[in-house]
Amino acid sequence: MVNEYPSSRAEVIELMRDKGVNPTQQRIDIAQALFAKPQHLSADQVMSLVNQQRAAVSKATVYNTLGLFARKGLVREVIVDPSKVFYDPTMSPHHHFYNIDTGELIDVESGHFELSQFPPLPEGTEAEGVDVVIRIRNSATH
């Protein structure tokens, strides 16, 4: 999987502007937390990281910013169950393993997984992409 993350504040701002996102201080702080390294973070984890570095950013600001980033193509939302959403800065095609015992989300390169056929799409629609989450659990040790 090849993904280049912005490594400086200036690169974060440039990426945000390229995607049509106004780079406010709070949005920059959130983006820098997300792009620090390849990782999958929940909104609460993003809020914790940002608030460790700067003055408090509200939960609403974090959720609204992450939603905006997802709509603008800066991050992918990975919904592993109705109550658990991760934000993934790796935008190249890939899938995930989700360990239900540990809560860890692990990247799986798209070349390691193949879908041979799509079902017929509803009329007037087109496929935008496929996101596969394979739920795993730790093996029982005896």
N, C-alpha and C. Protein backbone atom coordinates (compact mmCIF):
# COMPACT_ATOMS: atom_id res chain seq x y z
N MET A 1 0.83 -1.17 0.00
CA MET A 1 0.00 0.00 0.00
C MET A 1 0.88 1.23 0.00
N VAL A 2 0.67 2.10 -0.94
CA VAL A 2 1.46 3.32 -1.01
C VAL A 2 0.55 4.48 -0.64
N ASN A 3 0.96 5.22 0.34
CA ASN A 3 0.23 6.41 0.75
C ASN A 3 1.23 7.39 1.29
N GLU A 4 1.17 8.60 0.81
CA GLU A 4 2.08 9.61 1.31
C GLU A 4 1.31 10.53 2.24
N TYR A 5 1.80 10.62 3.46
CA TYR A 5 1.17 11.48 4.45
C TYR A 5 1.92 12.80 4.48
N PRO A 6 1.19 13.90 4.64
CA PRO A 6 1.89 15.18 4.76
C PRO A 6 2.76 15.15 6.02
N SER A 7 4.01 15.59 5.88
CA SER A 7 4.93 15.48 7.00
C SER A 7 5.15 16.80 7.73
N SER A 8 4.65 17.89 7.18
CA SER A 8 4.83 19.19 7.83
C SER A 8 3.49 19.91 7.90
N ARG A 9 3.43 20.89 8.74
CA ARG A 9 2.22 21.72 8.87
C ARG A 9 1.86 22.34 7.51
N ALA A 10 2.88 22.82 6.78
CA ALA A 10 2.62 23.44 5.47
C ALA A 10 2.01 22.42 4.50
N GLU A 11 2.50 21.17 4.53
CA GLU A 11 1.94 20.13 3.66
C GLU A 11 0.51 19.78 4.05
N VAL A 12 0.21 19.78 5.35
CA VAL A 12 -1.16 19.53 5.82
C VAL A 12 -2.08 20.62 5.29
N ILE A 13 -1.66 21.86 5.41
CA ILE A 13 -2.47 22.99 4.94
C ILE A 13 -2.68 22.90 3.43
N GLU A 14 -1.62 22.57 2.70
CA GLU A 14 -1.74 22.45 1.24
C GLU A 14 -2.72 21.34 0.86
N LEU A 15 -2.62 20.19 1.52
CA LEU A 15 -3.53 19.08 1.25
C LEU A 15 -4.97 19.49 1.54
N MET A 16 -5.18 20.16 2.66
CA MET A 16 -6.53 20.60 3.00
C MET A 16 -7.08 21.56 1.94
N ARG A 17 -6.28 22.50 1.54
CA ARG A 17 -6.73 23.46 0.51
C ARG A 17 -7.01 22.75 -0.81
N ASP A 18 -6.14 21.77 -1.18
CA ASP A 18 -6.35 21.01 -2.42
C ASP A 18 -7.69 20.28 -2.40
N LYS A 19 -8.13 19.87 -1.22
CA LYS A 19 -9.40 19.14 -1.08
C LYS A 19 -10.58 20.06 -0.79
N GLY A 20 -10.35 21.37 -0.77
CA GLY A 20 -11.43 22.33 -0.55
C GLY A 20 -11.83 22.49 0.91
N VAL A 21 -10.88 22.25 1.81
CA VAL A 21 -11.15 22.39 3.24
C VAL A 21 -10.43 23.63 3.75
N ASN A 22 -11.17 24.55 4.38
CA ASN A 22 -10.58 25.74 4.96
C ASN A 22 -9.71 25.34 6.16
N PRO A 23 -8.40 25.63 6.12
CA PRO A 23 -7.49 25.15 7.18
C PRO A 23 -7.51 26.03 8.44
N THR A 24 -8.53 25.86 9.27
CA THR A 24 -8.55 26.55 10.56
C THR A 24 -7.55 25.87 11.50
N GLN A 25 -7.20 26.53 12.59
CA GLN A 25 -6.23 25.97 13.53
C GLN A 25 -6.68 24.62 14.06
N GLN A 26 -7.95 24.50 14.43
CA GLN A 26 -8.44 23.22 14.98
C GLN A 26 -8.43 22.13 13.92
N ARG A 27 -8.79 22.44 12.71
CA ARG A 27 -8.75 21.43 11.63
C ARG A 27 -7.31 20.99 11.34
N ILE A 28 -6.39 21.94 11.38
CA ILE A 28 -4.98 21.59 11.16
C ILE A 28 -4.50 20.66 12.28
N ASP A 29 -4.85 20.98 13.51
CA ASP A 29 -4.45 20.14 14.64
C ASP A 29 -5.00 18.72 14.50
N ILE A 30 -6.26 18.62 14.09
CA ILE A 30 -6.90 17.30 13.91
C ILE A 30 -6.23 16.55 12.76
N ALA A 31 -5.97 17.25 11.66
CA ALA A 31 -5.32 16.61 10.51
C ALA A 31 -3.91 16.13 10.88
N GLN A 32 -3.16 16.93 11.62
CA GLN A 32 -1.81 16.52 12.01
C GLN A 32 -1.84 15.28 12.90
N ALA A 33 -2.84 15.17 13.77
CA ALA A 33 -2.97 13.96 14.60
C ALA A 33 -3.25 12.75 13.72
N LEU A 34 -4.13 12.91 12.74
CA LEU A 34 -4.50 11.79 11.86
C LEU A 34 -3.34 11.35 10.97
N PHE A 35 -2.59 12.32 10.45
CA PHE A 35 -1.54 12.02 9.47
C PHE A 35 -0.17 11.79 10.10
N ALA A 36 -0.09 11.73 11.41
CA ALA A 36 1.20 11.55 12.08
C ALA A 36 1.88 10.25 11.66
N LYS A 37 1.09 9.21 11.39
CA LYS A 37 1.62 7.90 11.00
C LYS A 37 0.46 7.06 10.48
N PRO A 38 0.74 5.95 9.80
CA PRO A 38 -0.36 5.08 9.38
C PRO A 38 -1.05 4.53 10.62
N GLN A 39 -2.32 4.86 10.77
CA GLN A 39 -3.06 4.45 11.96
C GLN A 39 -4.55 4.55 11.70
N HIS A 40 -5.30 3.93 12.57
CA HIS A 40 -6.76 3.98 12.52
C HIS A 40 -7.21 4.52 13.87
N LEU A 41 -7.86 5.67 13.85
CA LEU A 41 -8.24 6.31 15.10
C LEU A 41 -9.74 6.53 15.18
N SER A 42 -10.29 6.36 16.37
CA SER A 42 -11.68 6.74 16.61
C SER A 42 -11.72 8.25 16.85
N ALA A 43 -12.90 8.83 16.82
CA ALA A 43 -13.04 10.26 17.10
C ALA A 43 -12.53 10.58 18.50
N ASP A 44 -12.81 9.73 19.47
CA ASP A 44 -12.35 9.96 20.84
C ASP A 44 -10.82 9.92 20.92
N GLN A 45 -10.20 9.02 20.18
CA GLN A 45 -8.74 8.96 20.16
C GLN A 45 -8.15 10.22 19.52
N VAL A 46 -8.77 10.69 18.45
CA VAL A 46 -8.31 11.93 17.81
C VAL A 46 -8.43 13.08 18.80
N MET A 47 -9.56 13.17 19.48
CA MET A 47 -9.77 14.25 20.44
C MET A 47 -8.72 14.20 21.56
N SER A 48 -8.43 13.02 22.04
CA SER A 48 -7.43 12.86 23.10
C SER A 48 -6.05 13.30 22.62
N LEU A 49 -5.66 12.88 21.41
CA LEU A 49 -4.36 13.28 20.86
C LEU A 49 -4.26 14.80 20.70
N VAL A 50 -5.29 15.39 20.14
CA VAL A 50 -5.27 16.84 19.90
C VAL A 50 -5.24 17.59 21.22
N ASN A 51 -6.01 17.14 22.19
CA ASN A 51 -6.09 17.85 23.47
C ASN A 51 -4.84 17.65 24.32
N GLN A 52 -4.02 16.65 24.01
CA GLN A 52 -2.73 16.51 24.69
C GLN A 52 -1.76 17.58 24.22
N GLN A 53 -1.92 18.02 22.98
CA GLN A 53 -0.98 18.97 22.38
C GLN A 53 -1.40 20.43 22.53
N ARG A 54 -2.67 20.68 22.54
CA ARG A 54 -3.17 22.06 22.48
C ARG A 54 -4.30 22.26 23.49
N ALA A 55 -4.84 23.48 23.46
CA ALA A 55 -6.02 23.78 24.28
C ALA A 55 -7.18 22.89 23.83
N ALA A 56 -8.15 22.74 24.67
CA ALA A 56 -9.25 21.80 24.44
C ALA A 56 -9.99 22.06 23.13
N VAL A 57 -10.19 20.98 22.39
CA VAL A 57 -11.04 20.97 21.21
C VAL A 57 -12.27 20.17 21.59
N SER A 58 -13.44 20.69 21.30
CA SER A 58 -14.67 20.03 21.73
C SER A 58 -14.94 18.77 20.92
N LYS A 59 -15.72 17.90 21.52
CA LYS A 59 -16.12 16.65 20.86
C LYS A 59 -16.87 16.97 19.57
N ALA A 60 -17.75 17.96 19.62
CA ALA A 60 -18.52 18.33 18.42
C ALA A 60 -17.60 18.79 17.29
N THR A 61 -16.58 19.57 17.63
CA THR A 61 -15.64 20.04 16.61
C THR A 61 -14.90 18.86 15.98
N VAL A 62 -14.47 17.91 16.81
CA VAL A 62 -13.76 16.74 16.29
C VAL A 62 -14.68 15.95 15.36
N TYR A 63 -15.89 15.63 15.81
CA TYR A 63 -16.82 14.85 14.97
C TYR A 63 -17.15 15.58 13.68
N ASN A 64 -17.44 16.87 13.77
CA ASN A 64 -17.77 17.64 12.56
C ASN A 64 -16.59 17.70 11.59
N THR A 65 -15.38 17.88 12.13
CA THR A 65 -14.19 17.94 11.28
C THR A 65 -13.90 16.60 10.63
N LEU A 66 -14.02 15.51 11.38
CA LEU A 66 -13.78 14.19 10.80
C LEU A 66 -14.82 13.89 9.71
N GLY A 67 -16.06 14.27 9.94
CA GLY A 67 -17.09 14.09 8.91
C GLY A 67 -16.76 14.88 7.65
N LEU A 68 -16.31 16.12 7.83
CA LEU A 68 -15.91 16.96 6.70
C LEU A 68 -14.73 16.33 5.97
N PHE A 69 -13.72 15.87 6.72
CA PHE A 69 -12.55 15.25 6.10
C PHE A 69 -12.96 14.01 5.29
N ALA A 70 -13.89 13.23 5.80
CA ALA A 70 -14.35 12.04 5.08
C ALA A 70 -15.08 12.44 3.80
N ARG A 71 -15.96 13.43 3.88
CA ARG A 71 -16.71 13.88 2.69
C ARG A 71 -15.79 14.45 1.62
N LYS A 72 -14.70 15.08 2.04
CA LYS A 72 -13.78 15.73 1.11
C LYS A 72 -12.66 14.80 0.63
N GLY A 73 -12.62 13.57 1.14
CA GLY A 73 -11.64 12.61 0.66
C GLY A 73 -10.27 12.71 1.32
N LEU A 74 -10.21 13.28 2.51
CA LEU A 74 -8.94 13.33 3.25
C LEU A 74 -8.72 12.06 4.06
N VAL A 75 -9.79 11.45 4.52
CA VAL A 75 -9.73 10.20 5.29
C VAL A 75 -10.89 9.31 4.87
N ARG A 76 -10.77 8.03 5.20
CA ARG A 76 -11.86 7.08 4.99
C ARG A 76 -12.50 6.78 6.32
N GLU A 77 -13.81 6.71 6.33
CA GLU A 77 -14.52 6.22 7.51
C GLU A 77 -14.62 4.72 7.37
N VAL A 78 -14.19 4.00 8.40
CA VAL A 78 -14.31 2.55 8.42
C VAL A 78 -15.26 2.20 9.56
N ILE A 79 -16.44 1.75 9.20
CA ILE A 79 -17.46 1.43 10.20
C ILE A 79 -17.38 -0.07 10.48
N VAL A 80 -16.91 -0.42 11.67
CA VAL A 80 -16.73 -1.83 12.00
C VAL A 80 -17.95 -2.42 12.70
N ASP A 81 -18.72 -1.59 13.33
CA ASP A 81 -20.04 -1.96 13.85
C ASP A 81 -20.78 -0.66 14.09
N PRO A 82 -22.08 -0.71 14.36
CA PRO A 82 -22.85 0.54 14.45
C PRO A 82 -22.33 1.54 15.49
N SER A 83 -21.57 1.06 16.48
CA SER A 83 -21.10 1.96 17.52
C SER A 83 -19.61 2.27 17.42
N LYS A 84 -18.93 1.76 16.40
CA LYS A 84 -17.47 1.92 16.31
C LYS A 84 -17.07 2.33 14.90
N VAL A 85 -16.55 3.56 14.79
CA VAL A 85 -16.08 4.10 13.52
C VAL A 85 -14.62 4.50 13.68
N PHE A 86 -13.80 4.09 12.73
CA PHE A 86 -12.40 4.50 12.69
C PHE A 86 -12.21 5.46 11.52
N TYR A 87 -11.21 6.32 11.64
CA TYR A 87 -10.84 7.23 10.56
C TYR A 87 -9.45 6.82 10.10
N ASP A 88 -9.35 6.55 8.80
CA ASP A 88 -8.15 5.97 8.21
C ASP A 88 -7.58 6.95 7.19
N PRO A 89 -6.36 7.46 7.41
CA PRO A 89 -5.79 8.41 6.46
C PRO A 89 -5.20 7.76 5.21
N THR A 90 -5.16 6.43 5.14
CA THR A 90 -4.66 5.76 3.95
C THR A 90 -5.77 5.69 2.92
N MET A 91 -5.61 6.45 1.86
CA MET A 91 -6.68 6.56 0.86
C MET A 91 -6.51 5.59 -0.31
N SER A 92 -5.36 4.92 -0.42
CA SER A 92 -5.22 3.94 -1.50
C SER A 92 -6.13 2.75 -1.21
N PRO A 93 -6.57 2.04 -2.27
CA PRO A 93 -7.51 0.93 -2.06
C PRO A 93 -6.94 -0.15 -1.14
N HIS A 94 -7.68 -0.49 -0.12
CA HIS A 94 -7.30 -1.57 0.78
C HIS A 94 -8.52 -1.96 1.63
N HIS A 95 -8.38 -3.06 2.34
CA HIS A 95 -9.44 -3.58 3.19
C HIS A 95 -8.89 -3.72 4.61
N HIS A 96 -9.68 -4.32 5.49
CA HIS A 96 -9.27 -4.37 6.90
C HIS A 96 -9.65 -5.68 7.57
N PHE A 97 -8.82 -6.07 8.54
CA PHE A 97 -9.19 -7.04 9.57
C PHE A 97 -9.57 -6.22 10.79
N TYR A 98 -10.63 -6.61 11.47
CA TYR A 98 -11.01 -5.97 12.73
C TYR A 98 -11.02 -7.04 13.81
N ASN A 99 -10.13 -6.91 14.78
CA ASN A 99 -10.06 -7.88 15.88
C ASN A 99 -11.08 -7.47 16.94
N ILE A 100 -12.15 -8.26 17.06
CA ILE A 100 -13.21 -7.90 17.99
C ILE A 100 -12.80 -8.06 19.45
N ASP A 101 -11.73 -8.81 19.70
CA ASP A 101 -11.24 -8.96 21.08
C ASP A 101 -10.39 -7.77 21.52
N THR A 102 -9.57 -7.26 20.61
CA THR A 102 -8.65 -6.18 20.97
C THR A 102 -9.10 -4.80 20.49
N GLY A 103 -10.04 -4.76 19.53
CA GLY A 103 -10.46 -3.49 18.96
C GLY A 103 -9.49 -2.94 17.93
N GLU A 104 -8.52 -3.74 17.52
CA GLU A 104 -7.50 -3.30 16.56
C GLU A 104 -8.01 -3.46 15.13
N LEU A 105 -7.74 -2.46 14.32
CA LEU A 105 -8.05 -2.48 12.89
C LEU A 105 -6.73 -2.59 12.15
N ILE A 106 -6.61 -3.57 11.25
CA ILE A 106 -5.36 -3.87 10.56
C ILE A 106 -5.59 -3.79 9.05
N ASP A 107 -4.70 -3.10 8.35
CA ASP A 107 -4.82 -2.98 6.90
C ASP A 107 -4.55 -4.31 6.21
N VAL A 108 -5.30 -4.55 5.13
CA VAL A 108 -5.10 -5.69 4.23
C VAL A 108 -5.01 -5.10 2.83
N GLU A 109 -3.90 -5.30 2.16
CA GLU A 109 -3.75 -4.77 0.81
C GLU A 109 -4.82 -5.34 -0.10
N SER A 110 -5.33 -4.52 -0.99
CA SER A 110 -6.44 -4.94 -1.85
C SER A 110 -6.04 -6.11 -2.75
N GLY A 111 -4.77 -6.24 -3.08
CA GLY A 111 -4.31 -7.35 -3.92
C GLY A 111 -4.40 -8.70 -3.24
N HIS A 112 -4.59 -8.71 -1.92
CA HIS A 112 -4.69 -9.96 -1.17
C HIS A 112 -6.12 -10.46 -1.08
N PHE A 113 -7.02 -9.76 -1.71
CA PHE A 113 -8.44 -10.08 -1.60
C PHE A 113 -9.08 -9.80 -2.95
N GLU A 114 -9.89 -10.73 -3.43
CA GLU A 114 -10.49 -10.55 -4.75
C GLU A 114 -11.98 -10.82 -4.70
N LEU A 115 -12.75 -9.91 -5.25
CA LEU A 115 -14.18 -10.12 -5.45
C LEU A 115 -14.38 -10.49 -6.91
N SER A 116 -15.00 -11.63 -7.14
CA SER A 116 -15.10 -12.09 -8.53
C SER A 116 -16.31 -11.53 -9.25
N GLN A 117 -17.35 -11.14 -8.51
CA GLN A 117 -18.55 -10.66 -9.20
C GLN A 117 -19.36 -9.78 -8.27
N PHE A 118 -19.85 -8.66 -8.80
CA PHE A 118 -20.75 -7.79 -8.06
C PHE A 118 -22.19 -8.21 -8.32
N PRO A 119 -23.06 -8.03 -7.36
CA PRO A 119 -24.48 -8.23 -7.66
C PRO A 119 -24.95 -7.09 -8.56
N PRO A 120 -26.08 -7.28 -9.24
CA PRO A 120 -26.59 -6.18 -10.07
C PRO A 120 -26.84 -4.94 -9.20
N LEU A 121 -26.40 -3.79 -9.69
CA LEU A 121 -26.59 -2.55 -8.95
C LEU A 121 -27.99 -2.00 -9.21
N PRO A 122 -28.54 -1.29 -8.24
CA PRO A 122 -29.84 -0.66 -8.48
C PRO A 122 -29.75 0.29 -9.67
N GLU A 123 -30.83 0.38 -10.41
CA GLU A 123 -30.86 1.22 -11.60
C GLU A 123 -30.52 2.66 -11.23
N GLY A 124 -29.73 3.28 -12.10
CA GLY A 124 -29.35 4.67 -11.89
C GLY A 124 -28.19 4.86 -10.92
N THR A 125 -27.51 3.77 -10.56
CA THR A 125 -26.36 3.88 -9.64
C THR A 125 -25.13 3.29 -10.28
N GLU A 126 -23.98 3.61 -9.72
CA GLU A 126 -22.72 3.03 -10.16
C GLU A 126 -21.88 2.75 -8.91
N ALA A 127 -21.04 1.74 -9.01
CA ALA A 127 -20.19 1.38 -7.87
C ALA A 127 -19.11 2.44 -7.69
N GLU A 128 -18.93 2.90 -6.47
CA GLU A 128 -17.90 3.87 -6.15
C GLU A 128 -16.68 3.20 -5.54
N GLY A 129 -16.89 2.08 -4.88
CA GLY A 129 -15.79 1.37 -4.25
C GLY A 129 -16.32 0.25 -3.39
N VAL A 130 -15.42 -0.57 -2.90
CA VAL A 130 -15.78 -1.69 -2.03
C VAL A 130 -14.89 -1.63 -0.80
N ASP A 131 -15.50 -1.64 0.36
CA ASP A 131 -14.75 -1.69 1.61
C ASP A 131 -15.11 -2.98 2.31
N VAL A 132 -14.12 -3.83 2.55
CA VAL A 132 -14.34 -5.10 3.22
C VAL A 132 -13.71 -5.04 4.60
N VAL A 133 -14.49 -5.40 5.61
CA VAL A 133 -13.98 -5.53 6.97
C VAL A 133 -14.19 -6.98 7.38
N ILE A 134 -13.08 -7.67 7.62
CA ILE A 134 -13.14 -9.08 8.03
C ILE A 134 -12.97 -9.10 9.55
N ARG A 135 -14.01 -9.52 10.24
CA ARG A 135 -13.96 -9.56 11.70
C ARG A 135 -13.25 -10.83 12.15
N ILE A 136 -12.26 -10.65 13.02
CA ILE A 136 -11.50 -11.79 13.54
C ILE A 136 -11.52 -11.72 15.06
N ARG A 137 -11.13 -12.81 15.68
CA ARG A 137 -10.96 -12.81 17.13
C ARG A 137 -9.73 -13.63 17.45
N ASN A 138 -9.21 -13.45 18.64
CA ASN A 138 -8.03 -14.20 19.06
C ASN A 138 -8.39 -15.66 19.21
N SER A 139 -7.50 -16.53 18.77
CA SER A 139 -7.71 -17.96 18.91
C SER A 139 -7.70 -18.33 20.39
N ALA A 140 -8.55 -19.27 20.76
CA ALA A 140 -8.55 -19.76 22.14
C ALA A 140 -7.27 -20.54 22.36
N THR A 141 -6.58 -20.25 23.44
CA THR A 141 -5.34 -20.98 23.74
C THR A 141 -5.62 -21.97 24.86
N HIS A 142 -5.15 -23.18 24.67
CA HIS A 142 -5.40 -24.22 25.67
C HIS A 142 -4.08 -24.78 26.15
